[in-house]
């Protein structure tokens, strides 16, 4: 697990896209806006600047995952 938030988008064809983004709430807001409006494509930009266009009609779900704070070494219990 990295220190970067990750989103996972389920596609109707039983596939998923996993994209690391700077702010997953931006993606969820854009998706909600697309559902209410006439947008047919959800555009997502990952942490490296790559743009992904996903057909809104083919999205089955969006899972937002915050980065996990994982320590290094052993726990004292």
N, C-alpha and C. Protein backbone atom coordinates (compact mmCIF):
# COMPACT_ATOMS: atom_id res chain seq x y z
N UNK A 1 0.84 -1.18 0.00
CA UNK A 1 0.00 0.00 0.00
C UNK A 1 0.88 1.24 0.00
N UNK A 2 0.53 2.21 -0.77
CA UNK A 2 1.34 3.42 -0.83
C UNK A 2 0.68 4.53 -0.02
N UNK A 3 1.32 5.68 0.00
CA UNK A 3 0.79 6.83 0.72
C UNK A 3 -0.15 7.65 -0.15
N UNK A 4 -0.50 7.16 -1.33
CA UNK A 4 -1.34 7.87 -2.27
C UNK A 4 -2.73 7.28 -2.27
N UNK A 5 -3.79 8.11 -2.20
CA UNK A 5 -5.14 7.58 -2.28
C UNK A 5 -5.36 6.84 -3.59
N UNK A 6 -6.15 5.81 -3.54
CA UNK A 6 -6.45 5.00 -4.72
C UNK A 6 -7.95 4.94 -4.89
N UNK A 7 -8.40 4.98 -6.14
CA UNK A 7 -9.82 4.73 -6.41
C UNK A 7 -9.92 3.48 -7.25
N UNK A 8 -11.00 2.76 -7.13
CA UNK A 8 -11.25 1.57 -7.94
C UNK A 8 -12.62 1.76 -8.57
N UNK A 9 -12.70 1.59 -9.87
CA UNK A 9 -13.95 1.79 -10.58
C UNK A 9 -14.35 0.46 -11.20
N UNK A 10 -15.52 -0.02 -10.82
CA UNK A 10 -16.03 -1.27 -11.38
C UNK A 10 -16.74 -0.99 -12.68
N UNK A 11 -16.43 -1.74 -13.68
CA UNK A 11 -17.03 -1.60 -15.00
C UNK A 11 -18.03 -2.73 -15.17
N UNK A 12 -19.11 -2.46 -15.85
CA UNK A 12 -20.20 -3.43 -16.02
C UNK A 12 -19.73 -4.79 -16.54
N UNK A 13 -18.61 -4.83 -17.21
CA UNK A 13 -18.12 -6.09 -17.77
C UNK A 13 -17.35 -6.92 -16.75
N UNK A 14 -17.53 -6.64 -15.46
CA UNK A 14 -16.88 -7.37 -14.37
C UNK A 14 -15.37 -7.11 -14.32
N UNK A 15 -14.97 -5.96 -14.80
CA UNK A 15 -13.58 -5.53 -14.72
C UNK A 15 -13.50 -4.32 -13.81
N UNK A 16 -12.31 -4.02 -13.33
CA UNK A 16 -12.09 -2.83 -12.50
C UNK A 16 -10.88 -2.07 -13.00
N UNK A 17 -10.93 -0.76 -12.86
CA UNK A 17 -9.78 0.09 -13.08
C UNK A 17 -9.34 0.57 -11.71
N UNK A 18 -8.08 0.43 -11.41
CA UNK A 18 -7.56 0.96 -10.15
C UNK A 18 -6.60 2.09 -10.50
N UNK A 19 -6.94 3.29 -10.03
CA UNK A 19 -6.19 4.49 -10.41
C UNK A 19 -5.78 5.23 -9.14
N UNK A 20 -4.51 5.56 -9.03
CA UNK A 20 -4.05 6.36 -7.89
C UNK A 20 -4.25 7.83 -8.22
N UNK A 21 -4.95 8.51 -7.31
CA UNK A 21 -5.30 9.92 -7.53
C UNK A 21 -4.87 10.74 -6.32
N UNK A 22 -4.76 12.06 -6.53
CA UNK A 22 -4.41 12.95 -5.43
C UNK A 22 -5.57 13.16 -4.48
N UNK A 23 -6.79 13.25 -5.01
CA UNK A 23 -7.97 13.53 -4.18
C UNK A 23 -9.16 12.72 -4.67
N UNK A 24 -9.50 11.61 -4.01
CA UNK A 24 -10.61 10.78 -4.46
C UNK A 24 -11.96 11.49 -4.40
N UNK A 25 -12.10 12.49 -3.54
CA UNK A 25 -13.38 13.20 -3.45
C UNK A 25 -13.66 14.01 -4.71
N UNK A 26 -12.63 14.44 -5.40
CA UNK A 26 -12.81 15.13 -6.68
C UNK A 26 -13.46 14.18 -7.69
N UNK A 27 -13.02 12.94 -7.69
CA UNK A 27 -13.57 11.94 -8.61
C UNK A 27 -15.03 11.64 -8.27
N UNK A 28 -15.32 11.45 -6.98
CA UNK A 28 -16.70 11.14 -6.61
C UNK A 28 -17.63 12.31 -6.92
N UNK A 29 -17.17 13.53 -6.73
CA UNK A 29 -17.98 14.71 -7.07
C UNK A 29 -18.22 14.79 -8.57
N UNK A 30 -17.19 14.52 -9.36
CA UNK A 30 -17.33 14.55 -10.81
C UNK A 30 -18.30 13.47 -11.29
N UNK A 31 -18.25 12.31 -10.65
CA UNK A 31 -19.17 11.21 -11.00
C UNK A 31 -20.61 11.59 -10.68
N UNK A 32 -20.84 12.14 -9.50
CA UNK A 32 -22.19 12.57 -9.12
C UNK A 32 -22.71 13.64 -10.08
N UNK A 33 -21.85 14.57 -10.45
CA UNK A 33 -22.23 15.62 -11.40
C UNK A 33 -22.58 15.01 -12.75
N UNK A 34 -21.79 14.04 -13.19
CA UNK A 34 -22.05 13.38 -14.48
C UNK A 34 -23.38 12.65 -14.47
N UNK A 35 -23.71 12.01 -13.34
CA UNK A 35 -24.98 11.30 -13.25
C UNK A 35 -26.17 12.24 -13.32
N UNK A 36 -26.03 13.42 -12.75
CA UNK A 36 -27.13 14.40 -12.72
C UNK A 36 -27.24 15.17 -14.04
N UNK A 37 -26.13 15.30 -14.75
CA UNK A 37 -26.11 16.09 -15.97
C UNK A 37 -26.16 15.22 -17.21
N UNK A 38 -25.59 15.76 -18.26
CA UNK A 38 -25.62 15.06 -19.55
C UNK A 38 -24.26 14.52 -19.94
N UNK A 39 -23.30 14.56 -19.01
CA UNK A 39 -21.97 14.03 -19.32
C UNK A 39 -22.06 12.52 -19.51
N UNK A 40 -21.42 12.02 -20.54
CA UNK A 40 -21.42 10.58 -20.77
C UNK A 40 -20.07 9.95 -20.46
N UNK A 41 -19.07 10.80 -20.19
CA UNK A 41 -17.73 10.31 -19.89
C UNK A 41 -17.24 10.93 -18.59
N UNK A 42 -16.70 10.08 -17.70
CA UNK A 42 -16.06 10.54 -16.47
C UNK A 42 -14.56 10.58 -16.75
N UNK A 43 -13.96 11.75 -16.62
CA UNK A 43 -12.52 11.90 -16.83
C UNK A 43 -11.82 11.89 -15.48
N UNK A 44 -10.80 11.04 -15.35
CA UNK A 44 -10.03 10.90 -14.13
C UNK A 44 -8.55 11.12 -14.48
N UNK A 45 -7.87 11.94 -13.68
CA UNK A 45 -6.44 12.18 -13.87
C UNK A 45 -5.69 11.52 -12.72
N UNK A 46 -4.73 10.66 -13.04
CA UNK A 46 -3.99 9.98 -11.98
C UNK A 46 -2.84 10.84 -11.48
N UNK A 47 -2.07 10.31 -10.53
CA UNK A 47 -1.00 11.07 -9.90
C UNK A 47 0.14 11.40 -10.86
N UNK A 48 0.23 10.68 -11.96
CA UNK A 48 1.29 10.94 -12.95
C UNK A 48 0.79 11.82 -14.09
N UNK A 49 -0.47 12.27 -14.01
CA UNK A 49 -1.00 13.14 -15.04
C UNK A 49 -1.67 12.43 -16.19
N UNK A 50 -1.79 11.11 -16.11
CA UNK A 50 -2.48 10.36 -17.17
C UNK A 50 -3.99 10.56 -17.03
N UNK A 51 -4.66 10.77 -18.14
CA UNK A 51 -6.12 10.97 -18.14
C UNK A 51 -6.81 9.70 -18.59
N UNK A 52 -7.86 9.33 -17.87
CA UNK A 52 -8.66 8.16 -18.20
C UNK A 52 -10.09 8.61 -18.43
N UNK A 53 -10.67 8.23 -19.55
CA UNK A 53 -12.07 8.52 -19.84
C UNK A 53 -12.88 7.25 -19.71
N UNK A 54 -13.88 7.26 -18.83
CA UNK A 54 -14.69 6.08 -18.58
C UNK A 54 -16.14 6.41 -18.89
N UNK A 55 -16.79 5.58 -19.66
CA UNK A 55 -18.20 5.77 -19.97
C UNK A 55 -19.01 5.70 -18.68
N UNK A 56 -19.77 6.74 -18.38
CA UNK A 56 -20.56 6.79 -17.15
C UNK A 56 -21.55 5.63 -17.11
N UNK A 57 -22.11 5.28 -18.25
CA UNK A 57 -23.11 4.21 -18.31
C UNK A 57 -22.52 2.85 -17.97
N UNK A 58 -21.20 2.68 -18.10
CA UNK A 58 -20.59 1.38 -17.84
C UNK A 58 -20.05 1.24 -16.42
N UNK A 59 -20.16 2.28 -15.60
CA UNK A 59 -19.64 2.22 -14.24
C UNK A 59 -20.63 1.52 -13.32
N UNK A 60 -20.18 0.46 -12.68
CA UNK A 60 -21.02 -0.28 -11.74
C UNK A 60 -20.87 0.26 -10.32
N UNK A 61 -19.67 0.66 -9.94
CA UNK A 61 -19.43 1.22 -8.61
C UNK A 61 -18.13 2.00 -8.61
N UNK A 62 -17.96 2.84 -7.60
CA UNK A 62 -16.69 3.52 -7.35
C UNK A 62 -16.36 3.34 -5.87
N UNK A 63 -15.19 2.80 -5.60
CA UNK A 63 -14.73 2.59 -4.23
C UNK A 63 -13.60 3.58 -3.95
N UNK A 64 -13.74 4.34 -2.88
CA UNK A 64 -12.72 5.30 -2.48
C UNK A 64 -11.91 4.70 -1.34
N UNK A 65 -10.61 4.65 -1.49
CA UNK A 65 -9.75 4.04 -0.48
C UNK A 65 -8.70 5.06 -0.06
N UNK A 66 -8.70 5.40 1.20
CA UNK A 66 -7.69 6.32 1.74
C UNK A 66 -6.41 5.55 1.99
N UNK A 67 -5.26 6.23 1.92
CA UNK A 67 -4.00 5.53 2.18
C UNK A 67 -3.95 5.02 3.61
N UNK A 68 -3.30 3.88 3.78
CA UNK A 68 -3.15 3.27 5.10
C UNK A 68 -1.85 3.72 5.72
N UNK A 69 -1.91 4.12 6.98
CA UNK A 69 -0.70 4.47 7.73
C UNK A 69 -0.12 3.18 8.28
N UNK A 70 0.93 2.71 7.66
CA UNK A 70 1.53 1.46 8.12
C UNK A 70 2.93 1.77 8.63
N UNK A 71 3.16 1.36 9.86
CA UNK A 71 4.46 1.58 10.47
C UNK A 71 5.50 0.61 9.93
N UNK A 72 6.71 0.90 10.26
CA UNK A 72 7.82 0.04 9.86
C UNK A 72 8.31 -0.71 11.09
N UNK A 73 8.58 -1.98 10.94
CA UNK A 73 9.10 -2.75 12.07
C UNK A 73 8.01 -3.54 12.77
N UNK A 74 8.31 -3.96 13.99
CA UNK A 74 7.40 -4.80 14.74
C UNK A 74 6.66 -3.98 15.78
N UNK A 75 5.44 -4.41 16.07
CA UNK A 75 4.61 -3.75 17.07
C UNK A 75 4.95 -4.31 18.44
N UNK A 76 4.84 -3.44 19.45
CA UNK A 76 5.11 -3.89 20.82
C UNK A 76 3.94 -4.67 21.39
N UNK A 77 2.84 -4.73 20.64
CA UNK A 77 1.74 -5.57 21.09
C UNK A 77 0.58 -4.81 21.47
